[in-house]
C-alpha atoms as a PDB file:
ATOM      1  CA  LEU A   1       0.000   0.000   0.000  1.00  0.00           C
ATOM      2  CA  GLY A   2       2.983   2.260  -0.330  1.00  0.00           C
ATOM      3  CA  GLU A   3       2.903   5.196   2.088  1.00  0.00           C
ATOM      4  CA  THR A   4      -0.785   4.681   2.965  1.00  0.00           C
ATOM      5  CA  PRO A   5      -1.260   3.735   6.637  1.00  0.00           C
ATOM      6  CA  SER A   6      -2.960   0.356   6.905  1.00  0.00           C
ATOM      7  CA  PHE A   7      -3.526  -2.455   9.377  1.00  0.00           C
ATOM      8  CA  HIS A   8      -4.027  -6.202   9.120  1.00  0.00           C
ATOM      9  CA  LEU A   9      -6.289  -7.430  11.918  1.00  0.00           C
ATOM     10  CA  LEU A  10      -6.445 -11.033  13.057  1.00  0.00           C
ATOM     11  CA  PHE A  11      -9.126 -12.067  15.540  1.00  0.00           C
ATOM     12  CA  ASP A  12     -11.334 -15.014  16.398  1.00  0.00           C
ATOM     13  CA  SER A  13     -14.979 -15.244  15.378  1.00  0.00           C
ATOM     14  CA  ALA A  14     -16.175 -15.133  18.996  1.00  0.00           C
ATOM     15  CA  SER A  15     -15.024 -11.516  19.344  1.00  0.00           C
ATOM     16  CA  VAL A  16     -16.372 -10.178  16.036  1.00  0.00           C
ATOM     17  CA  ASP A  17     -19.270  -8.239  17.615  1.00  0.00           C
ATOM     18  CA  TYR A  18     -16.975  -6.474  20.065  1.00  0.00           C
ATOM     19  CA  LEU A  19     -14.337  -5.815  17.418  1.00  0.00           C
ATOM     20  CA  TRP A  20     -16.744  -4.153  14.954  1.00  0.00           C
ATOM     21  CA  ARG A  21     -18.218  -1.933  17.689  1.00  0.00           C
ATOM     22  CA  ALA A  22     -14.736  -0.877  18.787  1.00  0.00           C
ATOM     23  CA  LEU A  23     -13.570  -0.249  15.207  1.00  0.00           C
ATOM     24  CA  LYS A  24     -16.675   1.768  14.308  1.00  0.00           C
ATOM     25  CA  ASP A  25     -16.233   3.851  17.456  1.00  0.00           C
ATOM     26  CA  ALA A  26     -12.588   4.550  16.596  1.00  0.00           C
ATOM     27  CA  MET A  27     -13.450   5.318  12.959  1.00  0.00           C
ATOM     28  CA  SER A  28     -16.084   7.858  13.989  1.00  0.00           C
ATOM     29  CA  GLU A  29     -13.636   9.533  16.375  1.00  0.00           C
ATOM     30  CA  PHE A  30     -10.830   9.793  13.808  1.00  0.00           C
ATOM     31  CA  ASP A  31     -12.878  10.218  10.588  1.00  0.00           C
ATOM     32  CA  GLY A  32     -12.049   6.703   9.383  1.00  0.00           C
ATOM     33  CA  ARG A  33     -13.945   4.804   6.695  1.00  0.00           C
ATOM     34  CA  LEU A  34     -14.418   1.264   5.474  1.00  0.00           C
ATOM     35  CA  VAL A  35     -13.025   0.594   2.013  1.00  0.00           C
ATOM     36  CA  GLY A  36     -13.642  -2.204  -0.427  1.00  0.00           C
ATOM     37  CA  GLN A  37     -11.248  -4.282  -2.465  1.00  0.00           C
ATOM     38  CA  ALA A  38     -11.428  -1.943  -5.491  1.00  0.00           C
ATOM     39  CA  ALA A  39     -10.284   0.989  -3.350  1.00  0.00           C
ATOM     40  CA  LEU A  40      -7.406  -1.033  -1.922  1.00  0.00           C
ATOM     41  CA  LEU A  41      -6.256  -2.149  -5.355  1.00  0.00           C
ATOM     42  CA  ALA A  42      -6.220   1.473  -6.529  1.00  0.00           C
ATOM     43  CA  LEU A  43      -3.649   2.420  -3.864  1.00  0.00           C
END
């Protein structure tokens, strides 16, 4: 992804509900957004 900040997250399926809530909270605080595969490939 070049100079674009990115993260690879690994977690178990039992924690998916908590993880998404925490990620959405952090994204709203820091103006983050979900992106799809097409957007990633364009980087």
